[in-house]
């Protein structure tokens, strides 16, 4: 048995299949973690959703910002964007089944045996693991509850930008969602900056990657994430970043999580 993590797919089904073939992935015995953003921008979001759903317990996928955007578009909580490639999903005969499955994906997955935590984007510096898990469950409950369409309407926006235990209502859920699915940089006080997207070293003064904030409470936690194509591949003791820009003609990348060897395997997405 092997456990692999794979970066942002974003509707690119052919590279996903080629990568799994290169890994000799066998869903009967192996497991795959997907960092979110299964859909959008690529040509085959429908095929990706059907395939990943069909893997059953062999696949663990967390929600990314593009996945949430698809759910929001479905419920008219957000208009489609010019570059969206979601029409095939929205017109599919099994749309409701697929999007019901997507809506019930987690925002955070932690495996104490492997010692890794999976999210799409990042963790607030003020959170330890227990807080992050509890916060993720709050959003999951909202997404799976009777007022989930209302949540999808309210989740957009950049404020509040700093965590407080006293945050409540839509503000609290919006902040949690932004951390888990959108964040890249914070200031040293732990305030989110959702505008900066470039690679470390090119960011505005005063900002640091979320996983470099001094005094962060989740220091020592090993986090697997995607979302940040300009960061690219990063294999460190506490950080495995796997968005290698398939959507931009880069690569789709996997890293093995079990055992001592984390050598990445990539396939080209230029075709």
C-alpha atoms as a PDB file:
ATOM      1  CA  UNK A   1       0.000   0.000   0.000  1.00  0.00           C
ATOM      2  CA  UNK A   2       1.176   3.506  -0.852  1.00  0.00           C
ATOM      3  CA  UNK A   3      -0.252   6.928   0.006  1.00  0.00           C
ATOM      4  CA  UNK A   4       0.271   9.744  -2.494  1.00  0.00           C
ATOM      5  CA  UNK A   5      -0.681  13.419  -2.460  1.00  0.00           C
ATOM      6  CA  UNK A   6      -1.419  15.189  -5.752  1.00  0.00           C
ATOM      7  CA  UNK A   7      -1.541  18.910  -6.503  1.00  0.00           C
ATOM      8  CA  UNK A   8      -4.259  21.069  -8.062  1.00  0.00           C
ATOM      9  CA  UNK A   9      -5.941  19.245 -10.970  1.00  0.00           C
ATOM     10  CA  UNK A  10      -8.356  22.010 -12.061  1.00  0.00           C
ATOM     11  CA  UNK A  11     -10.191  19.997 -14.660  1.00  0.00           C
ATOM     12  CA  UNK A  12      -7.158  18.385 -16.339  1.00  0.00           C
ATOM     13  CA  UNK A  13      -8.191  14.754 -16.484  1.00  0.00           C
ATOM     14  CA  UNK A  14      -5.589  13.467 -18.943  1.00  0.00           C
ATOM     15  CA  UNK A  15      -2.585  14.553 -16.823  1.00  0.00           C
ATOM     16  CA  UNK A  16      -4.269  13.038 -13.771  1.00  0.00           C
ATOM     17  CA  UNK A  17      -4.611   9.673 -15.457  1.00  0.00           C
ATOM     18  CA  UNK A  18      -1.053   9.796 -16.790  1.00  0.00           C
ATOM     19  CA  UNK A  19       0.248  10.671 -13.331  1.00  0.00           C
ATOM     20  CA  UNK A  20      -1.638   7.825 -11.679  1.00  0.00           C
ATOM     21  CA  UNK A  21      -0.327   5.471 -14.357  1.00  0.00           C
ATOM     22  CA  UNK A  22       3.215   6.683 -13.690  1.00  0.00           C
ATOM     23  CA  UNK A  23       2.682   5.968  -9.995  1.00  0.00           C
ATOM     24  CA  UNK A  24       1.200   2.544 -10.802  1.00  0.00           C
ATOM     25  CA  UNK A  25      -1.657   3.579  -8.560  1.00  0.00           C
ATOM     26  CA  UNK A  26      -3.970   0.721  -7.614  1.00  0.00           C
ATOM     27  CA  UNK A  27      -7.169   1.914  -5.891  1.00  0.00           C
ATOM     28  CA  UNK A  28      -7.658  -1.536  -4.417  1.00  0.00           C
ATOM     29  CA  UNK A  29      -4.634  -1.079  -2.170  1.00  0.00           C
ATOM     30  CA  UNK A  30      -3.245   2.458  -2.601  1.00  0.00           C
ATOM     31  CA  UNK A  31      -4.630   5.782  -1.395  1.00  0.00           C
ATOM     32  CA  UNK A  32      -4.443   9.268  -2.888  1.00  0.00           C
ATOM     33  CA  UNK A  33      -4.848  12.668  -1.223  1.00  0.00           C
ATOM     34  CA  UNK A  34      -6.002  15.535  -3.436  1.00  0.00           C
ATOM     35  CA  UNK A  35      -5.290  19.105  -2.336  1.00  0.00           C
ATOM     36  CA  UNK A  36      -8.513  20.578  -3.777  1.00  0.00           C
ATOM     37  CA  UNK A  37      -9.405  22.549  -6.879  1.00  0.00           C
ATOM     38  CA  UNK A  38     -10.524  19.453  -8.704  1.00  0.00           C
ATOM     39  CA  UNK A  39     -12.383  21.624 -11.207  1.00  0.00           C
ATOM     40  CA  UNK A  40     -12.327  24.732 -13.384  1.00  0.00           C
ATOM     41  CA  UNK A  41     -10.031  26.267 -15.996  1.00  0.00           C
ATOM     42  CA  UNK A  42      -9.216  22.893 -17.571  1.00  0.00           C
ATOM     43  CA  UNK A  43     -11.367  21.169 -20.203  1.00  0.00           C
ATOM     44  CA  UNK A  44     -12.475  18.073 -18.277  1.00  0.00           C
ATOM     45  CA  UNK A  45     -13.911  19.036 -14.909  1.00  0.00           C
ATOM     46  CA  UNK A  46     -16.822  16.650 -15.366  1.00  0.00           C
ATOM     47  CA  UNK A  47     -14.538  13.688 -16.023  1.00  0.00           C
ATOM     48  CA  UNK A  48     -12.368  14.572 -13.015  1.00  0.00           C
ATOM     49  CA  UNK A  49     -15.362  14.720 -10.669  1.00  0.00           C
ATOM     50  CA  UNK A  50     -16.783  11.442 -11.925  1.00  0.00           C
ATOM     51  CA  UNK A  51     -13.419   9.718 -11.684  1.00  0.00           C
ATOM     52  CA  UNK A  52     -12.484  10.930  -8.211  1.00  0.00           C
ATOM     53  CA  UNK A  53     -15.966  10.216  -6.868  1.00  0.00           C
ATOM     54  CA  UNK A  54     -15.683   6.726  -8.366  1.00  0.00           C
ATOM     55  CA  UNK A  55     -12.484   6.056  -6.439  1.00  0.00           C
ATOM     56  CA  UNK A  56     -14.527   5.947  -3.249  1.00  0.00           C
ATOM     57  CA  UNK A  57     -12.460   5.547  -0.096  1.00  0.00           C
ATOM     58  CA  UNK A  58      -9.259   5.295  -2.129  1.00  0.00           C
ATOM     59  CA  UNK A  59      -9.353   9.100  -2.577  1.00  0.00           C
ATOM     60  CA  UNK A  60      -9.422  11.862   0.026  1.00  0.00           C
ATOM     61  CA  UNK A  61     -10.108  15.284  -1.488  1.00  0.00           C
ATOM     62  CA  UNK A  62     -10.397  18.560   0.395  1.00  0.00           C
ATOM     63  CA  UNK A  63     -12.299  21.512  -1.017  1.00  0.00           C
ATOM     64  CA  UNK A  64     -10.491  24.325  -2.810  1.00  0.00           C
ATOM     65  CA  UNK A  65     -11.664  27.780  -3.802  1.00  0.00           C
ATOM     66  CA  UNK A  66     -12.580  26.657  -7.340  1.00  0.00           C
ATOM     67  CA  UNK A  67     -14.637  23.784  -5.980  1.00  0.00           C
ATOM     68  CA  UNK A  68     -16.541  26.197  -3.734  1.00  0.00           C
ATOM     69  CA  UNK A  69     -16.976  28.539  -6.693  1.00  0.00           C
ATOM     70  CA  UNK A  70     -18.629  25.746  -8.678  1.00  0.00           C
ATOM     71  CA  UNK A  71     -21.075  25.139  -5.826  1.00  0.00           C
ATOM     72  CA  UNK A  72     -21.795  28.868  -5.610  1.00  0.00           C
ATOM     73  CA  UNK A  73     -22.442  29.105  -9.356  1.00  0.00           C
ATOM     74  CA  UNK A  74     -24.770  26.109  -9.177  1.00  0.00           C
ATOM     75  CA  UNK A  75     -26.896  27.881  -6.589  1.00  0.00           C
ATOM     76  CA  UNK A  76     -26.753  31.299  -8.289  1.00  0.00           C
ATOM     77  CA  UNK A  77     -24.802  32.647  -5.317  1.00  0.00           C
ATOM     78  CA  UNK A  78     -22.087  33.824  -7.717  1.00  0.00           C
ATOM     79  CA  UNK A  79     -22.027  34.492 -11.466  1.00  0.00           C
ATOM     80  CA  UNK A  80     -19.772  32.486 -13.738  1.00  0.00           C
ATOM     81  CA  UNK A  81     -16.460  34.125 -14.586  1.00  0.00           C
ATOM     82  CA  UNK A  82     -15.219  34.609 -18.126  1.00  0.00           C
ATOM     83  CA  UNK A  83     -12.526  31.923 -17.775  1.00  0.00           C
ATOM     84  CA  UNK A  84     -14.717  29.354 -16.008  1.00  0.00           C
ATOM     85  CA  UNK A  85     -15.011  25.945 -17.686  1.00  0.00           C
ATOM     86  CA  UNK A  86     -17.883  24.606 -15.634  1.00  0.00           C
ATOM     87  CA  UNK A  87     -20.658  24.293 -18.205  1.00  0.00           C
ATOM     88  CA  UNK A  88     -20.268  20.548 -18.756  1.00  0.00           C
ATOM     89  CA  UNK A  89     -20.662  19.909 -15.044  1.00  0.00           C
ATOM     90  CA  UNK A  90     -23.675  22.199 -14.720  1.00  0.00           C
ATOM     91  CA  UNK A  91     -25.379  20.561 -17.716  1.00  0.00           C
ATOM     92  CA  UNK A  92     -24.572  16.954 -16.761  1.00  0.00           C
ATOM     93  CA  UNK A  93     -27.388  14.516 -16.098  1.00  0.00           C
ATOM     94  CA  UNK A  94     -25.644  13.478 -12.858  1.00  0.00           C
ATOM     95  CA  UNK A  95     -24.913  17.064 -11.798  1.00  0.00           C
ATOM     96  CA  UNK A  96     -26.877  16.929  -8.552  1.00  0.00           C
ATOM     97  CA  UNK A  97     -25.244  13.666  -7.496  1.00  0.00           C
ATOM     98  CA  UNK A  98     -21.747  14.951  -8.287  1.00  0.00           C
ATOM     99  CA  UNK A  99     -22.197  18.329  -6.618  1.00  0.00           C
ATOM    100  CA  UNK A 100     -23.875  16.751  -3.610  1.00  0.00           C
ATOM    101  CA  UNK A 101     -20.786  14.569  -3.265  1.00  0.00           C
ATOM    102  CA  UNK A 102     -18.507  17.604  -3.706  1.00  0.00           C
ATOM    103  CA  UNK A 103     -20.403  19.607  -1.083  1.00  0.00           C
ATOM    104  CA  UNK A 104     -19.717  16.872   1.452  1.00  0.00           C
ATOM    105  CA  UNK A 105     -15.938  16.883   1.018  1.00  0.00           C
ATOM    106  CA  UNK A 106     -13.917  18.112   4.028  1.00  0.00           C
ATOM    107  CA  UNK A 107     -11.891  21.305   4.188  1.00  0.00           C
ATOM    108  CA  UNK A 108      -9.197  19.682   6.315  1.00  0.00           C
ATOM    109  CA  UNK A 109      -8.041  16.099   6.680  1.00  0.00           C
ATOM    110  CA  UNK A 110      -5.602  14.928   9.342  1.00  0.00           C
ATOM    111  CA  UNK A 111      -4.083  11.465   9.567  1.00  0.00           C
ATOM    112  CA  UNK A 112      -2.367  10.958  12.933  1.00  0.00           C
ATOM    113  CA  UNK A 113      -0.790   7.728  11.733  1.00  0.00           C
ATOM    114  CA  UNK A 114       0.902   9.353   8.767  1.00  0.00           C
ATOM    115  CA  UNK A 115       1.473  12.573  10.668  1.00  0.00           C
ATOM    116  CA  UNK A 116       0.214  14.836   7.856  1.00  0.00           C
ATOM    117  CA  UNK A 117      -2.560  17.403   7.591  1.00  0.00           C
ATOM    118  CA  UNK A 118      -4.162  18.130   4.214  1.00  0.00           C
ATOM    119  CA  UNK A 119      -5.680  21.515   3.288  1.00  0.00           C
ATOM    120  CA  UNK A 120      -6.056  23.439   0.052  1.00  0.00           C
ATOM    121  CA  UNK A 121      -4.368  26.730   0.976  1.00  0.00           C
ATOM    122  CA  UNK A 122      -3.175  27.120   4.564  1.00  0.00           C
ATOM    123  CA  UNK A 123      -3.760  27.518   8.277  1.00  0.00           C
ATOM    124  CA  UNK A 124      -4.206  30.698  10.293  1.00  0.00           C
ATOM    125  CA  UNK A 125      -1.106  31.364  12.415  1.00  0.00           C
ATOM    126  CA  UNK A 126      -3.324  31.577  15.515  1.00  0.00           C
ATOM    127  CA  UNK A 127      -4.576  28.003  15.093  1.00  0.00           C
ATOM    128  CA  UNK A 128      -3.150  24.835  16.511  1.00  0.00           C
ATOM    129  CA  UNK A 129      -4.296  21.541  15.019  1.00  0.00           C
ATOM    130  CA  UNK A 130      -7.301  21.142  17.306  1.00  0.00           C
ATOM    131  CA  UNK A 131      -8.514  24.668  16.549  1.00  0.00           C
ATOM    132  CA  UNK A 132      -8.001  24.197  12.815  1.00  0.00           C
ATOM    133  CA  UNK A 133      -9.969  20.950  12.880  1.00  0.00           C
ATOM    134  CA  UNK A 134     -12.805  22.542  14.841  1.00  0.00           C
ATOM    135  CA  UNK A 135     -12.910  25.538  12.492  1.00  0.00           C
ATOM    136  CA  UNK A 136     -12.986  23.324   9.411  1.00  0.00           C
ATOM    137  CA  UNK A 137     -15.896  21.392  10.889  1.00  0.00           C
ATOM    138  CA  UNK A 138     -17.838  24.636  11.340  1.00  0.00           C
ATOM    139  CA  UNK A 139     -17.660  25.376   7.615  1.00  0.00           C
ATOM    140  CA  UNK A 140     -18.352  21.748   6.707  1.00  0.00           C
ATOM    141  CA  UNK A 141     -21.461  21.860   8.867  1.00  0.00           C
ATOM    142  CA  UNK A 142     -22.629  25.034   7.121  1.00  0.00           C
ATOM    143  CA  UNK A 143     -22.028  23.496   3.693  1.00  0.00           C
ATOM    144  CA  UNK A 144     -23.911  20.317   4.559  1.00  0.00           C
ATOM    145  CA  UNK A 145     -26.776  22.007   6.388  1.00  0.00           C
ATOM    146  CA  UNK A 146     -30.163  23.286   5.200  1.00  0.00           C
ATOM    147  CA  UNK A 147     -28.893  26.870   4.702  1.00  0.00           C
ATOM    148  CA  UNK A 148     -25.819  25.991   2.664  1.00  0.00           C
ATOM    149  CA  UNK A 149     -26.943  28.202  -0.239  1.00  0.00           C
ATOM    150  CA  UNK A 150     -26.993  31.145   2.148  1.00  0.00           C
ATOM    151  CA  UNK A 151     -23.454  30.298   3.257  1.00  0.00           C
ATOM    152  CA  UNK A 152     -22.312  30.249  -0.377  1.00  0.00           C
ATOM    153  CA  UNK A 153     -23.713  33.775  -0.789  1.00  0.00           C
ATOM    154  CA  UNK A 154     -21.896  35.024   2.296  1.00  0.00           C
ATOM    155  CA  UNK A 155     -18.496  33.346   1.942  1.00  0.00           C
ATOM    156  CA  UNK A 156     -17.047  35.905  -0.517  1.00  0.00           C
ATOM    157  CA  UNK A 157     -15.012  38.853   0.714  1.00  0.00           C
ATOM    158  CA  UNK A 158     -11.627  39.642   2.272  1.00  0.00           C
ATOM    159  CA  UNK A 159     -12.827  40.714   5.709  1.00  0.00           C
ATOM    160  CA  UNK A 160     -12.297  40.017   8.519  1.00  0.00           C
ATOM    161  CA  UNK A 161      -8.587  39.525   7.929  1.00  0.00           C
ATOM    162  CA  UNK A 162      -7.442  38.445  11.389  1.00  0.00           C
ATOM    163  CA  UNK A 163      -8.551  35.593  13.613  1.00  0.00           C
ATOM    164  CA  UNK A 164     -10.257  36.158  16.916  1.00  0.00           C
ATOM    165  CA  UNK A 165     -12.035  33.624  19.092  1.00  0.00           C
ATOM    166  CA  UNK A 166     -14.874  36.152  19.309  1.00  0.00           C
ATOM    167  CA  UNK A 167     -15.592  36.101  15.575  1.00  0.00           C
ATOM    168  CA  UNK A 168     -19.139  34.920  14.975  1.00  0.00           C
ATOM    169  CA  UNK A 169     -21.687  34.266  12.256  1.00  0.00           C
ATOM    170  CA  UNK A 170     -20.840  34.793   8.602  1.00  0.00           C
ATOM    171  CA  UNK A 171     -17.671  36.753   9.475  1.00  0.00           C
ATOM    172  CA  UNK A 172     -16.286  33.753  11.317  1.00  0.00           C
ATOM    173  CA  UNK A 173     -17.166  31.288   8.561  1.00  0.00           C
ATOM    174  CA  UNK A 174     -15.777  33.618   5.877  1.00  0.00           C
ATOM    175  CA  UNK A 175     -12.444  33.994   7.666  1.00  0.00           C
ATOM    176  CA  UNK A 176     -12.116  30.235   8.152  1.00  0.00           C
ATOM    177  CA  UNK A 177     -12.956  29.609   4.495  1.00  0.00           C
ATOM    178  CA  UNK A 178     -10.415  32.200   3.328  1.00  0.00           C
ATOM    179  CA  UNK A 179      -7.671  30.596   5.409  1.00  0.00           C
ATOM    180  CA  UNK A 180      -8.334  27.062   4.279  1.00  0.00           C
ATOM    181  CA  UNK A 181      -8.964  27.818   0.591  1.00  0.00           C
ATOM    182  CA  UNK A 182      -7.417  31.199  -0.371  1.00  0.00           C
ATOM    183  CA  UNK A 183      -4.524  32.331   1.841  1.00  0.00           C
ATOM    184  CA  UNK A 184      -0.887  32.658   0.831  1.00  0.00           C
ATOM    185  CA  UNK A 185       0.629  35.531   2.792  1.00  0.00           C
ATOM    186  CA  UNK A 186       0.161  37.073   6.226  1.00  0.00           C
ATOM    187  CA  UNK A 187       1.857  39.901   8.060  1.00  0.00           C
ATOM    188  CA  UNK A 188       3.873  39.043  11.140  1.00  0.00           C
ATOM    189  CA  UNK A 189       0.811  39.689  13.314  1.00  0.00           C
ATOM    190  CA  UNK A 190      -1.096  36.993  11.446  1.00  0.00           C
ATOM    191  CA  UNK A 191      -3.325  39.283   9.377  1.00  0.00           C
ATOM    192  CA  UNK A 192      -4.256  37.806   5.977  1.00  0.00           C
ATOM    193  CA  UNK A 193      -3.290  39.498   2.741  1.00  0.00           C
ATOM    194  CA  UNK A 194      -5.374  37.932  -0.016  1.00  0.00           C
ATOM    195  CA  UNK A 195      -4.034  40.115  -2.832  1.00  0.00           C
ATOM    196  CA  UNK A 196      -0.375  39.061  -2.920  1.00  0.00           C
ATOM    197  CA  UNK A 197       0.132  35.961  -5.075  1.00  0.00           C
ATOM    198  CA  UNK A 198       3.734  35.996  -6.232  1.00  0.00           C
ATOM    199  CA  UNK A 199       6.593  33.781  -5.181  1.00  0.00           C
ATOM    200  CA  UNK A 200       8.349  34.433  -1.863  1.00  0.00           C
ATOM    201  CA  UNK A 201      10.829  37.250  -2.273  1.00  0.00           C
ATOM    202  CA  UNK A 202       8.553  39.243  -4.562  1.00  0.00           C
ATOM    203  CA  UNK A 203       5.826  39.996  -2.019  1.00  0.00           C
ATOM    204  CA  UNK A 204       5.109  43.451  -0.589  1.00  0.00           C
ATOM    205  CA  UNK A 205       7.151  44.480   2.435  1.00  0.00           C
ATOM    206  CA  UNK A 206       5.888  43.152   5.738  1.00  0.00           C
ATOM    207  CA  UNK A 207       4.349  39.970   4.362  1.00  0.00           C
ATOM    208  CA  UNK A 208       5.570  36.418   4.889  1.00  0.00           C
ATOM    209  CA  UNK A 209       4.212  33.058   3.701  1.00  0.00           C
ATOM    210  CA  UNK A 210       1.607  31.741   6.122  1.00  0.00           C
ATOM    211  CA  UNK A 211       3.902  28.866   7.084  1.00  0.00           C
ATOM    212  CA  UNK A 212       6.732  31.271   8.033  1.00  0.00           C
ATOM    213  CA  UNK A 213       4.821  33.555  10.422  1.00  0.00           C
ATOM    214  CA  UNK A 214       6.828  33.863  13.661  1.00  0.00           C
ATOM    215  CA  UNK A 215       5.177  32.241  16.655  1.00  0.00           C
ATOM    216  CA  UNK A 216       2.533  30.383  14.626  1.00  0.00           C
ATOM    217  CA  UNK A 217       0.705  27.920  16.841  1.00  0.00           C
ATOM    218  CA  UNK A 218       0.798  25.108  14.292  1.00  0.00           C
ATOM    219  CA  UNK A 219       4.607  25.055  14.135  1.00  0.00           C
ATOM    220  CA  UNK A 220       5.756  21.457  13.954  1.00  0.00           C
ATOM    221  CA  UNK A 221       2.643  20.309  12.105  1.00  0.00           C
ATOM    222  CA  UNK A 222       3.348  18.740   8.712  1.00  0.00           C
ATOM    223  CA  UNK A 223       0.965  20.299   6.189  1.00  0.00           C
ATOM    224  CA  UNK A 224       0.257  19.218   2.610  1.00  0.00           C
ATOM    225  CA  UNK A 225      -1.318  21.923   0.447  1.00  0.00           C
ATOM    226  CA  UNK A 226      -1.659  23.354  -3.058  1.00  0.00           C
ATOM    227  CA  UNK A 227      -3.277  26.579  -4.328  1.00  0.00           C
ATOM    228  CA  UNK A 228      -0.024  28.523  -4.777  1.00  0.00           C
ATOM    229  CA  UNK A 229       1.318  27.851  -8.246  1.00  0.00           C
ATOM    230  CA  UNK A 230       3.991  30.557  -8.040  1.00  0.00           C
ATOM    231  CA  UNK A 231       5.375  28.919  -4.926  1.00  0.00           C
ATOM    232  CA  UNK A 232       5.628  25.660  -6.834  1.00  0.00           C
ATOM    233  CA  UNK A 233       6.955  22.413  -5.469  1.00  0.00           C
ATOM    234  CA  UNK A 234       8.268  22.553  -1.908  1.00  0.00           C
ATOM    235  CA  UNK A 235       9.282  19.486   0.077  1.00  0.00           C
ATOM    236  CA  UNK A 236      10.278  20.476   3.603  1.00  0.00           C
ATOM    237  CA  UNK A 237       9.855  18.835   6.976  1.00  0.00           C
ATOM    238  CA  UNK A 238       6.750  20.877   7.822  1.00  0.00           C
ATOM    239  CA  UNK A 239       5.553  21.818   4.331  1.00  0.00           C
ATOM    240  CA  UNK A 240       4.703  19.865   1.199  1.00  0.00           C
ATOM    241  CA  UNK A 241       3.458  22.284  -1.474  1.00  0.00           C
ATOM    242  CA  UNK A 242       2.224  20.561  -4.636  1.00  0.00           C
ATOM    243  CA  UNK A 243       0.679  23.136  -6.985  1.00  0.00           C
ATOM    244  CA  UNK A 244       3.125  23.046  -9.874  1.00  0.00           C
ATOM    245  CA  UNK A 245       0.908  24.995 -12.261  1.00  0.00           C
ATOM    246  CA  UNK A 246      -0.796  22.351 -14.376  1.00  0.00           C
ATOM    247  CA  UNK A 247      -3.442  24.955 -15.188  1.00  0.00           C
ATOM    248  CA  UNK A 248      -0.737  27.256 -16.597  1.00  0.00           C
ATOM    249  CA  UNK A 249       0.919  24.586 -18.734  1.00  0.00           C
ATOM    250  CA  UNK A 250       3.265  23.438 -15.984  1.00  0.00           C
ATOM    251  CA  UNK A 251       3.065  20.009 -14.400  1.00  0.00           C
ATOM    252  CA  UNK A 252       0.842  17.882 -12.217  1.00  0.00           C
ATOM    253  CA  UNK A 253       2.866  16.555  -9.311  1.00  0.00           C
ATOM    254  CA  UNK A 254       2.547  13.811  -6.717  1.00  0.00           C
ATOM    255  CA  UNK A 255       4.582  13.055  -3.600  1.00  0.00           C
ATOM    256  CA  UNK A 256       4.482   9.856  -1.584  1.00  0.00           C
ATOM    257  CA  UNK A 257       3.551  10.409   2.066  1.00  0.00           C
ATOM    258  CA  UNK A 258       4.179   7.019   3.640  1.00  0.00           C
ATOM    259  CA  UNK A 259       7.729   5.918   4.233  1.00  0.00           C
ATOM    260  CA  UNK A 260      10.925   7.986   4.237  1.00  0.00           C
ATOM    261  CA  UNK A 261      11.091   8.670   0.482  1.00  0.00           C
ATOM    262  CA  UNK A 262       9.139  11.729  -0.714  1.00  0.00           C
ATOM    263  CA  UNK A 263      10.650  11.997  -4.176  1.00  0.00           C
ATOM    264  CA  UNK A 264       8.091  13.794  -6.392  1.00  0.00           C
ATOM    265  CA  UNK A 265       6.712  12.423  -9.640  1.00  0.00           C
ATOM    266  CA  UNK A 266       5.391  14.864 -12.261  1.00  0.00           C
ATOM    267  CA  UNK A 267       3.739  14.748 -15.659  1.00  0.00           C
ATOM    268  CA  UNK A 268       3.747  17.547 -18.202  1.00  0.00           C
ATOM    269  CA  UNK A 269       0.521  19.525 -18.689  1.00  0.00           C
ATOM    270  CA  UNK A 270       1.503  21.553 -21.760  1.00  0.00           C
ATOM    271  CA  UNK A 271      -0.519  19.374 -24.122  1.00  0.00           C
END
